[in-house]
Amino acid sequence: MAAQVVREWAGIQQFPAATQTKLLELLGKLKQENVSTLTILVMGKGGVGKSSTLNSILSERVVATSAFQAEPPRPIMVSRARAGFTLNIIDTPGLVEAGYVNDQVLDLIKRFLLNKTIDVLLYVDRLDAYRVDNLDLQIVKAITDSFGKQIWRRGIVALTHGQMSPPDGLSYDEFASKRSAAILKVVRQGIGMRKSEFQKTPIPLVLVENSGRCNKNESDEKILPNGEAWIPGLVHKITEVVLNGSQSILVDKKLVDGPNPNERGKLFIPLILAFQYFFVVKRIENWIRTDIRKERRSKRF
């Protein structure tokens, strides 16, 4: 397999000066903690803006995006280096096909990730979706079953289309809060995490606006309707997750292939053998001894 091409992160120079400064500060903070390589796995349904978010983070059009173009058929890893720091972002196909979670896509993603370490899971959905349903729950469960519950300790929920206009009667902040709470509730349920546990270690949520019509502040930074410069905000959350004390996820062969069915029940083999010896073998031996004693007695008489 060809080695991953790591190019200089030239796109960072395309950000406004204020954004560049904030990003370099955050990357410097990671390097101070001996983090020189960061790998982000981007997952979610199709058409939610996974590829566009990757392009926005790098400020480069590295993955083609179009409303009339299908998503990449397989995972893609894009690597960029800057001042001794390497950023890897892995874009993935949508996890849903014909209204169901596509197990083949999940298997394809896992095999692509073999021997790679995932530092951050960026789970992408849309802010302008008005409801969550059982399919959202099944997606979170599928990710959890594939990579383990601990991957969500490295998880961030990103809601794209952050500059949308809320329905009549709701303020932007109110709608964003309700939508965020709904998707986080589904994530918690899909992970199988108690509400108290989730409140103790909540999963961060960020809003994203990838379109060119995104508003800007006086420093020319792309901002959300609440005035937040969202790219530095997203990278700040990524930095917090990386430094939260949890372990990165190594995708090894055991995780990809799942548990070996031949290994199941091995712990019970000694117990089974002991049961057979004391309750079967010993009983048969006693029966044989009894029969021998009876036979000897009958010969005496």
C-alpha atoms as a PDB file:
ATOM      1  CA  MET A   1       0.000   0.000   0.000  1.00  0.00           C
ATOM      2  CA  ALA A   2       1.341   3.452  -0.931  1.00  0.00           C
ATOM      3  CA  ALA A   3       2.286   5.717   1.921  1.00  0.00           C
ATOM      4  CA  GLN A   4      -0.100   8.546   2.734  1.00  0.00           C
ATOM      5  CA  VAL A   5       0.984  11.795   1.046  1.00  0.00           C
ATOM      6  CA  VAL A   6       1.420  14.566   3.612  1.00  0.00           C
ATOM      7  CA  ARG A   7       1.400  18.025   2.038  1.00  0.00           C
ATOM      8  CA  GLU A   8       2.176  21.376   3.550  1.00  0.00           C
ATOM      9  CA  TRP A   9      -0.958  22.977   4.981  1.00  0.00           C
ATOM     10  CA  ALA A  10      -0.978  25.914   2.603  1.00  0.00           C
ATOM     11  CA  GLY A  11      -4.679  26.503   3.094  1.00  0.00           C
ATOM     12  CA  ILE A  12      -4.189  27.881   6.593  1.00  0.00           C
ATOM     13  CA  GLN A  13      -2.779  31.030   4.976  1.00  0.00           C
ATOM     14  CA  GLN A  14      -6.125  31.574   3.251  1.00  0.00           C
ATOM     15  CA  PHE A  15      -7.863  32.175   6.575  1.00  0.00           C
ATOM     16  CA  PRO A  16      -8.208  35.734   7.883  1.00  0.00           C
ATOM     17  CA  ALA A  17      -5.315  36.802  10.121  1.00  0.00           C
ATOM     18  CA  ALA A  18      -7.458  36.532  13.279  1.00  0.00           C
ATOM     19  CA  THR A  19      -8.444  32.940  12.454  1.00  0.00           C
ATOM     20  CA  GLN A  20      -4.856  32.011  11.595  1.00  0.00           C
ATOM     21  CA  THR A  21      -3.656  33.325  14.937  1.00  0.00           C
ATOM     22  CA  LYS A  22      -6.272  31.358  16.873  1.00  0.00           C
ATOM     23  CA  LEU A  23      -5.595  28.142  14.970  1.00  0.00           C
ATOM     24  CA  LEU A  24      -1.835  28.367  15.433  1.00  0.00           C
ATOM     25  CA  GLU A  25      -2.347  29.015  19.160  1.00  0.00           C
ATOM     26  CA  LEU A  26      -4.484  25.870  19.446  1.00  0.00           C
ATOM     27  CA  LEU A  27      -2.028  23.758  17.466  1.00  0.00           C
ATOM     28  CA  GLY A  28       0.774  25.114  19.659  1.00  0.00           C
ATOM     29  CA  LYS A  29      -1.191  24.053  22.733  1.00  0.00           C
ATOM     30  CA  LEU A  30      -1.398  20.516  21.393  1.00  0.00           C
ATOM     31  CA  LYS A  31       2.323  20.421  20.641  1.00  0.00           C
ATOM     32  CA  GLN A  32       3.049  21.563  24.204  1.00  0.00           C
ATOM     33  CA  GLU A  33       1.201  18.432  25.327  1.00  0.00           C
ATOM     34  CA  ASN A  34       3.356  16.306  23.001  1.00  0.00           C
ATOM     35  CA  VAL A  35       0.565  15.898  20.449  1.00  0.00           C
ATOM     36  CA  SER A  36       2.180  16.285  17.038  1.00  0.00           C
ATOM     37  CA  THR A  37      -0.272  14.203  14.978  1.00  0.00           C
ATOM     38  CA  LEU A  38      -4.053  14.451  15.032  1.00  0.00           C
ATOM     39  CA  THR A  39      -6.441  12.169  13.134  1.00  0.00           C
ATOM     40  CA  ILE A  40     -10.112  13.148  12.809  1.00  0.00           C
ATOM     41  CA  LEU A  41     -12.720  10.651  11.590  1.00  0.00           C
ATOM     42  CA  VAL A  42     -15.768  12.307   9.983  1.00  0.00           C
ATOM     43  CA  MET A  43     -18.952  10.203   9.947  1.00  0.00           C
ATOM     44  CA  GLY A  44     -22.680  10.653   9.464  1.00  0.00           C
ATOM     45  CA  LYS A  45     -25.490  10.319   6.950  1.00  0.00           C
ATOM     46  CA  GLY A  46     -25.024  11.296   3.322  1.00  0.00           C
ATOM     47  CA  GLY A  47     -25.669  14.888   2.264  1.00  0.00           C
ATOM     48  CA  VAL A  48     -25.152  16.417   5.702  1.00  0.00           C
ATOM     49  CA  GLY A  49     -21.946  18.294   4.813  1.00  0.00           C
ATOM     50  CA  LYS A  50     -19.117  15.983   5.896  1.00  0.00           C
ATOM     51  CA  SER A  51     -16.891  16.746   2.905  1.00  0.00           C
ATOM     52  CA  SER A  52     -17.695  20.459   2.987  1.00  0.00           C
ATOM     53  CA  THR A  53     -16.717  20.605   6.653  1.00  0.00           C
ATOM     54  CA  LEU A  54     -13.393  18.926   5.852  1.00  0.00           C
ATOM     55  CA  ASN A  55     -12.778  21.524   3.137  1.00  0.00           C
ATOM     56  CA  SER A  56     -13.665  24.340   5.527  1.00  0.00           C
ATOM     57  CA  ILE A  57     -11.285  23.129   8.256  1.00  0.00           C
ATOM     58  CA  LEU A  58      -8.387  22.979   5.794  1.00  0.00           C
ATOM     59  CA  SER A  59      -9.498  26.029   3.775  1.00  0.00           C
ATOM     60  CA  GLU A  60      -8.867  23.958   0.659  1.00  0.00           C
ATOM     61  CA  ARG A  61     -11.171  22.259  -1.822  1.00  0.00           C
ATOM     62  CA  VAL A  62      -9.630  18.844  -1.302  1.00  0.00           C
ATOM     63  CA  VAL A  63     -12.854  16.852  -1.681  1.00  0.00           C
ATOM     64  CA  ALA A  64     -15.300  17.638  -4.468  1.00  0.00           C
ATOM     65  CA  THR A  65     -18.756  18.595  -3.193  1.00  0.00           C
ATOM     66  CA  SER A  66     -21.960  19.154  -5.129  1.00  0.00           C
ATOM     67  CA  ALA A  67     -25.675  18.774  -4.519  1.00  0.00           C
ATOM     68  CA  PHE A  68     -25.813  16.836  -7.814  1.00  0.00           C
ATOM     69  CA  GLN A  69     -22.782  14.643  -7.191  1.00  0.00           C
ATOM     70  CA  ALA A  70     -22.631  11.385  -5.257  1.00  0.00           C
ATOM     71  CA  GLU A  71     -20.418  11.143  -2.189  1.00  0.00           C
ATOM     72  CA  PRO A  72     -17.009   9.465  -2.420  1.00  0.00           C
ATOM     73  CA  PRO A  73     -17.646   5.695  -2.685  1.00  0.00           C
ATOM     74  CA  ARG A  74     -14.879   4.929  -0.181  1.00  0.00           C
ATOM     75  CA  PRO A  75     -13.115   6.652   2.725  1.00  0.00           C
ATOM     76  CA  ILE A  76     -10.502   9.291   1.898  1.00  0.00           C
ATOM     77  CA  MET A  77      -7.745  10.534   4.217  1.00  0.00           C
ATOM     78  CA  VAL A  78      -6.313  13.996   3.636  1.00  0.00           C
ATOM     79  CA  SER A  79      -3.087  14.887   5.460  1.00  0.00           C
ATOM     80  CA  ARG A  80      -1.608  18.340   5.982  1.00  0.00           C
ATOM     81  CA  ALA A  81       1.502  19.434   7.902  1.00  0.00           C
ATOM     82  CA  ARG A  82       2.347  22.774   9.497  1.00  0.00           C
ATOM     83  CA  ALA A  83       5.270  23.694  11.753  1.00  0.00           C
ATOM     84  CA  GLY A  84       5.926  20.095  12.785  1.00  0.00           C
ATOM     85  CA  PHE A  85       2.224  19.288  13.304  1.00  0.00           C
ATOM     86  CA  THR A  86       0.356  16.805  11.064  1.00  0.00           C
ATOM     87  CA  LEU A  87      -3.426  16.906  10.681  1.00  0.00           C
ATOM     88  CA  ASN A  88      -5.204  13.908   9.137  1.00  0.00           C
ATOM     89  CA  ILE A  89      -8.915  14.133   8.307  1.00  0.00           C
ATOM     90  CA  ILE A  90     -10.774  11.038   7.095  1.00  0.00           C
ATOM     91  CA  ASP A  91     -13.913  11.630   5.034  1.00  0.00           C
ATOM     92  CA  THR A  92     -16.327   8.699   4.800  1.00  0.00           C
ATOM     93  CA  PRO A  93     -19.351   7.688   2.692  1.00  0.00           C
ATOM     94  CA  GLY A  94     -22.818   8.182   4.151  1.00  0.00           C
ATOM     95  CA  LEU A  95     -23.894   5.438   6.529  1.00  0.00           C
ATOM     96  CA  VAL A  96     -27.480   5.160   5.269  1.00  0.00           C
ATOM     97  CA  GLU A  97     -28.860   3.498   2.166  1.00  0.00           C
ATOM     98  CA  ALA A  98     -32.551   3.013   1.358  1.00  0.00           C
ATOM     99  CA  GLY A  99     -33.519   4.107   4.857  1.00  0.00           C
ATOM    100  CA  TYR A 100     -31.261   1.665   6.710  1.00  0.00           C
ATOM    101  CA  VAL A 101     -27.754   1.665   8.142  1.00  0.00           C
ATOM    102  CA  ASN A 102     -25.453   0.186   5.495  1.00  0.00           C
ATOM    103  CA  ASP A 103     -23.356  -2.473   7.228  1.00  0.00           C
ATOM    104  CA  GLN A 104     -21.171  -2.876   4.130  1.00  0.00           C
ATOM    105  CA  VAL A 105     -20.156   0.795   4.300  1.00  0.00           C
ATOM    106  CA  LEU A 106     -19.337   0.437   7.992  1.00  0.00           C
ATOM    107  CA  ASP A 107     -17.200  -2.606   7.256  1.00  0.00           C
ATOM    108  CA  LEU A 108     -15.462  -0.716   4.425  1.00  0.00           C
ATOM    109  CA  ILE A 109     -14.697   2.176   6.779  1.00  0.00           C
ATOM    110  CA  LYS A 110     -13.324  -0.122   9.492  1.00  0.00           C
ATOM    111  CA  ARG A 111     -11.038  -1.922   7.055  1.00  0.00           C
ATOM    112  CA  PHE A 112      -9.775   1.410   5.709  1.00  0.00           C
ATOM    113  CA  LEU A 113      -8.965   2.427   9.288  1.00  0.00           C
ATOM    114  CA  LEU A 114      -7.016  -0.758  10.087  1.00  0.00           C
ATOM    115  CA  ASN A 115      -3.875   0.094  12.106  1.00  0.00           C
ATOM    116  CA  LYS A 116      -4.848   3.769  12.282  1.00  0.00           C
ATOM    117  CA  THR A 117      -5.462   5.656  15.534  1.00  0.00           C
ATOM    118  CA  ILE A 118      -8.570   7.827  15.763  1.00  0.00           C
ATOM    119  CA  ASP A 119      -8.088  10.888  17.967  1.00  0.00           C
ATOM    120  CA  VAL A 120     -11.442  12.582  17.312  1.00  0.00           C
ATOM    121  CA  LEU A 121     -14.798  11.399  15.961  1.00  0.00           C
ATOM    122  CA  LEU A 122     -16.653  14.241  14.238  1.00  0.00           C
ATOM    123  CA  TYR A 123     -20.268  13.108  13.915  1.00  0.00           C
ATOM    124  CA  VAL A 124     -21.988  15.372  11.394  1.00  0.00           C
ATOM    125  CA  ASP A 125     -25.685  16.133  10.962  1.00  0.00           C
ATOM    126  CA  ARG A 126     -27.713  19.183   9.928  1.00  0.00           C
ATOM    127  CA  LEU A 127     -29.069  21.938  12.123  1.00  0.00           C
ATOM    128  CA  ASP A 128     -32.007  22.500   9.760  1.00  0.00           C
ATOM    129  CA  ALA A 129     -33.390  18.973  10.254  1.00  0.00           C
ATOM    130  CA  TYR A 130     -36.538  19.423  12.317  1.00  0.00           C
ATOM    131  CA  ARG A 131     -36.741  16.048  14.001  1.00  0.00           C
ATOM    132  CA  VAL A 132     -34.793  12.993  15.028  1.00  0.00           C
ATOM    133  CA  ASP A 133     -36.087   9.463  14.559  1.00  0.00           C
ATOM    134  CA  ASN A 134     -35.200   5.818  14.990  1.00  0.00           C
ATOM    135  CA  LEU A 135     -32.770   5.944  12.059  1.00  0.00           C
ATOM    136  CA  ASP A 136     -30.613   8.477  13.918  1.00  0.00           C
ATOM    137  CA  LEU A 137     -30.633   6.133  16.898  1.00  0.00           C
ATOM    138  CA  GLN A 138     -29.610   3.175  14.733  1.00  0.00           C
ATOM    139  CA  ILE A 139     -26.695   5.137  13.218  1.00  0.00           C
ATOM    140  CA  VAL A 140     -25.289   5.991  16.650  1.00  0.00           C
ATOM    141  CA  LYS A 141     -25.737   2.381  17.790  1.00  0.00           C
ATOM    142  CA  ALA A 142     -23.961   1.122  14.664  1.00  0.00           C
ATOM    143  CA  ILE A 143     -20.974   3.418  15.253  1.00  0.00           C
ATOM    144  CA  THR A 144     -20.865   2.357  18.913  1.00  0.00           C
ATOM    145  CA  ASP A 145     -21.040  -1.350  18.029  1.00  0.00           C
ATOM    146  CA  SER A 146     -18.305  -0.917  15.411  1.00  0.00           C
ATOM    147  CA  PHE A 147     -15.777   1.108  17.404  1.00  0.00           C
ATOM    148  CA  GLY A 148     -16.817   0.725  21.023  1.00  0.00           C
ATOM    149  CA  LYS A 149     -18.490   3.062  23.469  1.00  0.00           C
ATOM    150  CA  GLN A 150     -15.201   4.796  24.253  1.00  0.00           C
ATOM    151  CA  ILE A 151     -15.019   6.420  20.813  1.00  0.00           C
ATOM    152  CA  TRP A 152     -17.683   8.867  21.994  1.00  0.00           C
ATOM    153  CA  ARG A 153     -15.320  10.095  24.723  1.00  0.00           C
ATOM    154  CA  ARG A 154     -13.458  11.391  21.695  1.00  0.00           C
ATOM    155  CA  GLY A 155     -16.641  12.534  19.956  1.00  0.00           C
ATOM    156  CA  ILE A 156     -17.963  15.898  18.802  1.00  0.00           C
ATOM    157  CA  VAL A 157     -21.372  16.491  17.215  1.00  0.00           C
ATOM    158  CA  ALA A 158     -21.243  19.053  14.393  1.00  0.00           C
ATOM    159  CA  LEU A 159     -24.483  20.493  12.984  1.00  0.00           C
ATOM    160  CA  THR A 160     -24.056  22.052   9.557  1.00  0.00           C
ATOM    161  CA  HIS A 161     -26.216  24.711   7.858  1.00  0.00           C
ATOM    162  CA  GLY A 162     -25.683  26.800  10.958  1.00  0.00           C
ATOM    163  CA  GLN A 163     -26.880  29.996   9.286  1.00  0.00           C
ATOM    164  CA  MET A 164     -30.385  28.678   8.628  1.00  0.00           C
ATOM    165  CA  SER A 165     -33.492  30.701   9.425  1.00  0.00           C
ATOM    166  CA  PRO A 166     -35.559  29.034  12.155  1.00  0.00           C
ATOM    167  CA  PRO A 167     -39.289  28.374  11.752  1.00  0.00           C
ATOM    168  CA  ASP A 168     -41.724  31.157  12.586  1.00  0.00           C
ATOM    169  CA  GLY A 169     -42.119  31.835  16.272  1.00  0.00           C
ATOM    170  CA  LEU A 170     -38.676  30.594  17.309  1.00  0.00           C
ATOM    171  CA  SER A 171     -35.547  32.612  17.816  1.00  0.00           C
ATOM    172  CA  TYR A 172     -32.289  31.286  16.375  1.00  0.00           C
ATOM    173  CA  ASP A 173     -30.851  30.501  19.809  1.00  0.00           C
ATOM    174  CA  GLU A 174     -34.061  28.735  20.894  1.00  0.00           C
ATOM    175  CA  PHE A 175     -34.219  26.582  17.764  1.00  0.00           C
ATOM    176  CA  ALA A 176     -30.500  25.730  17.898  1.00  0.00           C
ATOM    177  CA  SER A 177     -30.843  24.788  21.573  1.00  0.00           C
ATOM    178  CA  LYS A 178     -33.856  22.508  20.958  1.00  0.00           C
ATOM    179  CA  ARG A 179     -32.277  20.845  17.930  1.00  0.00           C
ATOM    180  CA  SER A 180     -28.978  20.329  19.781  1.00  0.00           C
ATOM    181  CA  ALA A 181     -30.740  18.824  22.799  1.00  0.00           C
ATOM    182  CA  ALA A 182     -32.715  16.438  20.562  1.00  0.00           C
ATOM    183  CA  ILE A 183     -29.691  15.092  18.694  1.00  0.00           C
ATOM    184  CA  LEU A 184     -27.604  14.794  21.866  1.00  0.00           C
ATOM    185  CA  LYS A 185     -30.404  12.819  23.517  1.00  0.00           C
ATOM    186  CA  VAL A 186     -30.402  10.359  20.614  1.00  0.00           C
ATOM    187  CA  VAL A 187     -26.612  10.099  20.789  1.00  0.00           C
ATOM    188  CA  ARG A 188     -26.803   9.344  24.519  1.00  0.00           C
ATOM    189  CA  GLN A 189     -29.450   6.683  23.963  1.00  0.00           C
ATOM    190  CA  GLY A 190     -27.547   5.154  21.049  1.00  0.00           C
ATOM    191  CA  ILE A 191     -24.386   4.889  23.128  1.00  0.00           C
ATOM    192  CA  GLY A 192     -26.357   3.340  25.989  1.00  0.00           C
ATOM    193  CA  MET A 193     -25.187   5.989  28.441  1.00  0.00           C
ATOM    194  CA  ARG A 194     -27.106   6.960  31.559  1.00  0.00           C
ATOM    195  CA  LYS A 195     -28.329  10.534  31.743  1.00  0.00           C
ATOM    196  CA  SER A 196     -26.250  11.207  34.866  1.00  0.00           C
ATOM    197  CA  GLU A 197     -23.125   9.827  33.187  1.00  0.00           C
ATOM    198  CA  PHE A 198     -23.790  11.892  30.081  1.00  0.00           C
ATOM    199  CA  GLN A 199     -24.206  15.045  32.140  1.00  0.00           C
ATOM    200  CA  LYS A 200     -20.915  14.337  33.898  1.00  0.00           C
ATOM    201  CA  THR A 201     -18.990  13.868  30.637  1.00  0.00           C
ATOM    202  CA  PRO A 202     -21.093  15.582  27.950  1.00  0.00           C
ATOM    203  CA  ILE A 203     -20.307  15.318  24.257  1.00  0.00           C
ATOM    204  CA  PRO A 204     -19.463  18.745  22.793  1.00  0.00           C
ATOM    205  CA  LEU A 205     -21.676  20.151  20.045  1.00  0.00           C
ATOM    206  CA  VAL A 206     -20.676  22.799  17.508  1.00  0.00           C
ATOM    207  CA  LEU A 207     -22.503  24.629  14.732  1.00  0.00           C
ATOM    208  CA  VAL A 208     -20.992  24.841  11.256  1.00  0.00           C
ATOM    209  CA  GLU A 209     -21.732  26.936   8.160  1.00  0.00           C
ATOM    210  CA  ASN A 210     -19.799  25.851   5.087  1.00  0.00           C
ATOM    211  CA  SER A 211     -21.484  27.954   2.411  1.00  0.00           C
ATOM    212  CA  GLY A 212     -19.920  31.006   0.808  1.00  0.00           C
ATOM    213  CA  ARG A 213     -22.821  33.141   1.997  1.00  0.00           C
ATOM    214  CA  CYS A 214     -21.769  32.781   5.619  1.00  0.00           C
ATOM    215  CA  ASN A 215     -21.724  36.123   7.410  1.00  0.00           C
ATOM    216  CA  LYS A 216     -18.409  37.630   8.525  1.00  0.00           C
ATOM    217  CA  ASN A 217     -17.262  39.826  11.373  1.00  0.00           C
ATOM    218  CA  GLU A 218     -15.051  42.906  11.242  1.00  0.00           C
ATOM    219  CA  SER A 219     -11.979  40.620  11.162  1.00  0.00           C
ATOM    220  CA  ASP A 220     -13.366  38.891   8.026  1.00  0.00           C
ATOM    221  CA  GLU A 221     -13.938  35.652   9.962  1.00  0.00           C
ATOM    222  CA  LYS A 222     -16.918  33.458   9.085  1.00  0.00           C
ATOM    223  CA  ILE A 223     -19.468  33.763  11.878  1.00  0.00           C
ATOM    224  CA  LEU A 224     -22.742  32.176  12.947  1.00  0.00           C
ATOM    225  CA  PRO A 225     -25.897  34.234  13.614  1.00  0.00           C
ATOM    226  CA  ASN A 226     -24.848  34.364  17.291  1.00  0.00           C
ATOM    227  CA  GLY A 227     -21.636  36.145  16.263  1.00  0.00           C
ATOM    228  CA  GLU A 228     -19.272  33.229  16.971  1.00  0.00           C
ATOM    229  CA  ALA A 229     -16.358  32.648  14.594  1.00  0.00           C
ATOM    230  CA  TRP A 230     -17.135  28.981  14.031  1.00  0.00           C
ATOM    231  CA  ILE A 231     -13.875  27.586  12.576  1.00  0.00           C
ATOM    232  CA  PRO A 232     -11.729  28.576  15.590  1.00  0.00           C
ATOM    233  CA  GLY A 233     -14.627  27.412  17.783  1.00  0.00           C
ATOM    234  CA  LEU A 234     -14.616  23.963  16.172  1.00  0.00           C
ATOM    235  CA  VAL A 235     -10.823  23.604  16.428  1.00  0.00           C
ATOM    236  CA  HIS A 236     -11.031  24.724  20.067  1.00  0.00           C
ATOM    237  CA  LYS A 237     -13.519  21.905  20.797  1.00  0.00           C
ATOM    238  CA  ILE A 238     -11.274  19.432  18.963  1.00  0.00           C
ATOM    239  CA  THR A 239      -8.350  20.533  21.140  1.00  0.00           C
ATOM    240  CA  GLU A 240     -10.417  20.101  24.327  1.00  0.00           C
ATOM    241  CA  VAL A 241     -11.453  16.580  23.306  1.00  0.00           C
ATOM    242  CA  VAL A 242      -7.883  15.553  22.500  1.00  0.00           C
ATOM    243  CA  LEU A 243      -6.730  16.770  25.919  1.00  0.00           C
ATOM    244  CA  ASN A 244      -9.664  15.451  27.987  1.00  0.00           C
ATOM    245  CA  GLY A 245      -7.669  12.501  29.365  1.00  0.00           C
ATOM    246  CA  SER A 246      -9.423   9.768  27.380  1.00  0.00           C
ATOM    247  CA  GLN A 247      -7.622   7.290  25.137  1.00  0.00           C
ATOM    248  CA  SER A 248      -7.483   7.486  21.352  1.00  0.00           C
ATOM    249  CA  ILE A 249      -9.001   4.530  19.504  1.00  0.00           C
ATOM    250  CA  LEU A 250      -6.596   2.139  17.776  1.00  0.00           C
ATOM    251  CA  VAL A 251      -8.394   0.289  15.010  1.00  0.00           C
ATOM    252  CA  ASP A 252      -6.692  -3.108  15.171  1.00  0.00           C
ATOM    253  CA  LYS A 253      -7.580  -6.387  13.479  1.00  0.00           C
ATOM    254  CA  LYS A 254      -9.642  -7.561  16.438  1.00  0.00           C
ATOM    255  CA  LEU A 255     -11.811  -4.442  16.257  1.00  0.00           C
ATOM    256  CA  VAL A 256     -12.213  -4.770  12.481  1.00  0.00           C
ATOM    257  CA  ASP A 257     -13.028  -8.494  12.451  1.00  0.00           C
ATOM    258  CA  GLY A 258     -15.005  -8.511  15.679  1.00  0.00           C
ATOM    259  CA  PRO A 259     -14.675 -11.108  18.450  1.00  0.00           C
ATOM    260  CA  ASN A 260     -13.468 -14.547  17.388  1.00  0.00           C
ATOM    261  CA  PRO A 261     -16.368 -16.990  17.863  1.00  0.00           C
ATOM    262  CA  ASN A 262     -13.827 -19.684  18.693  1.00  0.00           C
ATOM    263  CA  GLU A 263     -12.773 -17.646  21.718  1.00  0.00           C
ATOM    264  CA  ARG A 264     -16.273 -17.496  23.144  1.00  0.00           C
ATOM    265  CA  GLY A 265     -16.806 -19.686  26.164  1.00  0.00           C
ATOM    266  CA  LYS A 266     -13.143 -20.563  26.657  1.00  0.00           C
ATOM    267  CA  LEU A 267     -13.317 -19.285  30.222  1.00  0.00           C
ATOM    268  CA  PHE A 268     -16.047 -21.816  30.946  1.00  0.00           C
ATOM    269  CA  ILE A 269     -14.156 -24.861  29.662  1.00  0.00           C
ATOM    270  CA  PRO A 270     -12.424 -25.626  33.022  1.00  0.00           C
ATOM    271  CA  LEU A 271     -15.770 -25.328  34.809  1.00  0.00           C
ATOM    272  CA  ILE A 272     -17.425 -27.635  32.307  1.00  0.00           C
ATOM    273  CA  LEU A 273     -14.624 -30.197  32.630  1.00  0.00           C
ATOM    274  CA  ALA A 274     -14.812 -30.024  36.421  1.00  0.00           C
ATOM    275  CA  PHE A 275     -18.573 -30.521  36.281  1.00  0.00           C
ATOM    276  CA  GLN A 276     -18.178 -33.498  33.969  1.00  0.00           C
ATOM    277  CA  TYR A 277     -15.525 -35.053  36.228  1.00  0.00           C
ATOM    278  CA  PHE A 278     -17.345 -34.734  39.549  1.00  0.00           C
ATOM    279  CA  PHE A 279     -20.918 -35.216  38.375  1.00  0.00           C
ATOM    280  CA  VAL A 280     -20.494 -37.592  35.443  1.00  0.00           C
ATOM    281  CA  VAL A 281     -17.156 -39.418  35.515  1.00  0.00           C
ATOM    282  CA  LYS A 282     -17.098 -39.846  39.294  1.00  0.00           C
ATOM    283  CA  ARG A 283     -20.710 -41.036  39.301  1.00  0.00           C
ATOM    284  CA  ILE A 284     -19.982 -43.612  36.574  1.00  0.00           C
ATOM    285  CA  GLU A 285     -16.902 -44.782  38.504  1.00  0.00           C
ATOM    286  CA  ASN A 286     -19.046 -45.230  41.638  1.00  0.00           C
ATOM    287  CA  TRP A 287     -21.584 -47.204  39.654  1.00  0.00           C
ATOM    288  CA  ILE A 288     -18.843 -49.473  38.284  1.00  0.00           C
ATOM    289  CA  ARG A 289     -17.358 -50.044  41.774  1.00  0.00           C
ATOM    290  CA  THR A 290     -20.818 -50.834  43.124  1.00  0.00           C
ATOM    291  CA  ASP A 291     -21.443 -53.331  40.309  1.00  0.00           C
ATOM    292  CA  ILE A 292     -18.052 -54.992  40.949  1.00  0.00           C
ATOM    293  CA  ARG A 293     -18.775 -55.330  44.682  1.00  0.00           C
ATOM    294  CA  LYS A 294     -22.193 -56.840  43.943  1.00  0.00           C
ATOM    295  CA  GLU A 295     -20.676 -59.292  41.480  1.00  0.00           C
ATOM    296  CA  ARG A 296     -18.029 -60.394  44.026  1.00  0.00           C
ATOM    297  CA  ARG A 297     -20.667 -60.915  46.690  1.00  0.00           C
ATOM    298  CA  SER A 298     -22.793 -63.017  44.358  1.00  0.00           C
ATOM    299  CA  LYS A 299     -19.805 -65.279  43.545  1.00  0.00           C
ATOM    300  CA  ARG A 300     -19.185 -65.870  47.257  1.00  0.00           C
ATOM    301  CA  PHE A 301     -22.620 -67.240  47.686  1.00  0.00           C
END
